[in-house]
Amino acid sequence: MTILDISDNQLSGTIPSSLGYLTLIGALNLSSNQLSGSIPDSIGNLAQLSIFFLYSNQLNGRIP
């Protein structure tokens, strides 16, 4: 499984829609940052994604 863990890195701003190009990723951890805004629709392109952590951010809106 391909894992991208960038949790607890004081990231701020919005989640980049370009993450939707990581189509082979199985786990994505963006938790414990300062991310805001909504989750980009491109996250829905991650067909292999089975683990997705977003807790401890200031996100709003729907999950694609």
C-alpha atoms as a PDB file:
ATOM      1  CA  MET A   1       0.000   0.000   0.000  1.00  0.00           C
ATOM      2  CA  THR A   2       1.271   3.467  -0.895  1.00  0.00           C
ATOM      3  CA  ILE A   3       1.022   5.834   2.081  1.00  0.00           C
ATOM      4  CA  LEU A   4       1.395   9.611   2.231  1.00  0.00           C
ATOM      5  CA  ASP A   5       1.555  10.863   5.825  1.00  0.00           C
ATOM      6  CA  ILE A   6       1.974  14.610   6.190  1.00  0.00           C
ATOM      7  CA  SER A   7       0.156  14.899   9.481  1.00  0.00           C
ATOM      8  CA  ASP A   8       1.199  17.346  12.204  1.00  0.00           C
ATOM      9  CA  ASN A   9       3.262  19.548   9.872  1.00  0.00           C
ATOM     10  CA  GLN A  10       1.571  22.926  10.467  1.00  0.00           C
ATOM     11  CA  LEU A  11       0.265  22.960   6.889  1.00  0.00           C
ATOM     12  CA  SER A  12      -2.217  25.758   6.243  1.00  0.00           C
ATOM     13  CA  GLY A  13      -4.509  26.820   3.436  1.00  0.00           C
ATOM     14  CA  THR A  14      -6.663  24.535   1.346  1.00  0.00           C
ATOM     15  CA  ILE A  15      -6.087  20.939   0.291  1.00  0.00           C
ATOM     16  CA  PRO A  16      -4.588  21.104  -3.225  1.00  0.00           C
ATOM     17  CA  SER A  17      -6.777  19.570  -5.912  1.00  0.00           C
ATOM     18  CA  SER A  18      -3.606  18.112  -7.465  1.00  0.00           C
ATOM     19  CA  LEU A  19      -3.693  15.382  -4.791  1.00  0.00           C
ATOM     20  CA  GLY A  20      -6.330  13.826  -7.046  1.00  0.00           C
ATOM     21  CA  TYR A  21      -3.529  12.822  -9.426  1.00  0.00           C
ATOM     22  CA  LEU A  22      -2.109  10.392  -6.844  1.00  0.00           C
ATOM     23  CA  THR A  23      -4.409   7.660  -8.130  1.00  0.00           C
ATOM     24  CA  LEU A  24      -2.420   4.745  -6.684  1.00  0.00           C
ATOM     25  CA  ILE A  25      -2.325   6.057  -3.119  1.00  0.00           C
ATOM     26  CA  GLY A  26      -3.945   3.778  -0.546  1.00  0.00           C
ATOM     27  CA  ALA A  27      -3.615   5.898   2.600  1.00  0.00           C
ATOM     28  CA  LEU A  28      -3.542   9.670   3.027  1.00  0.00           C
ATOM     29  CA  ASN A  29      -3.057  11.342   6.399  1.00  0.00           C
ATOM     30  CA  LEU A  30      -3.491  15.122   6.534  1.00  0.00           C
ATOM     31  CA  SER A  31      -4.573  15.252  10.174  1.00  0.00           C
ATOM     32  CA  SER A  32      -3.445  17.741  12.831  1.00  0.00           C
ATOM     33  CA  ASN A  33      -2.614  20.600  10.487  1.00  0.00           C
ATOM     34  CA  GLN A  34      -4.264  23.973   9.924  1.00  0.00           C
ATOM     35  CA  LEU A  35      -6.034  23.141   6.669  1.00  0.00           C
ATOM     36  CA  SER A  36      -9.240  25.025   5.897  1.00  0.00           C
ATOM     37  CA  GLY A  37     -11.915  25.183   3.243  1.00  0.00           C
ATOM     38  CA  SER A  38     -13.530  22.194   1.596  1.00  0.00           C
ATOM     39  CA  ILE A  39     -12.216  18.842   0.425  1.00  0.00           C
ATOM     40  CA  PRO A  40     -11.582  19.099  -3.338  1.00  0.00           C
ATOM     41  CA  ASP A  41     -13.726  16.951  -5.623  1.00  0.00           C
ATOM     42  CA  SER A  42     -10.540  15.516  -7.149  1.00  0.00           C
ATOM     43  CA  ILE A  43     -10.065  13.430  -3.984  1.00  0.00           C
ATOM     44  CA  GLY A  44     -12.892  11.319  -5.404  1.00  0.00           C
ATOM     45  CA  ASN A  45     -10.451  10.184  -8.135  1.00  0.00           C
ATOM     46  CA  LEU A  46      -8.422   8.226  -5.584  1.00  0.00           C
ATOM     47  CA  ALA A  47      -9.995   4.834  -6.290  1.00  0.00           C
ATOM     48  CA  GLN A  48      -7.371   2.938  -4.235  1.00  0.00           C
ATOM     49  CA  LEU A  49      -7.777   5.177  -1.168  1.00  0.00           C
ATOM     50  CA  SER A  50      -8.944   3.118   1.800  1.00  0.00           C
ATOM     51  CA  ILE A  51      -7.556   5.206   4.692  1.00  0.00           C
ATOM     52  CA  PHE A  52      -8.124   8.978   4.784  1.00  0.00           C
ATOM     53  CA  PHE A  53      -7.458  11.001   7.950  1.00  0.00           C
ATOM     54  CA  LEU A  54      -8.422  14.676   8.135  1.00  0.00           C
ATOM     55  CA  TYR A  55      -9.150  15.229  11.820  1.00  0.00           C
ATOM     56  CA  SER A  56      -7.912  18.306  13.726  1.00  0.00           C
ATOM     57  CA  ASN A  57      -8.225  20.740  10.816  1.00  0.00           C
ATOM     58  CA  GLN A  58     -10.738  23.493  10.029  1.00  0.00           C
ATOM     59  CA  LEU A  59     -12.387  21.831   7.028  1.00  0.00           C
ATOM     60  CA  ASN A  60     -16.012  22.255   6.009  1.00  0.00           C
ATOM     61  CA  GLY A  61     -18.402  21.083   3.322  1.00  0.00           C
ATOM     62  CA  ARG A  62     -19.148  17.666   1.930  1.00  0.00           C
ATOM     63  CA  ILE A  63     -16.939  14.634   1.413  1.00  0.00           C
ATOM     64  CA  PRO A  64     -16.622  13.897  -2.332  1.00  0.00           C
END
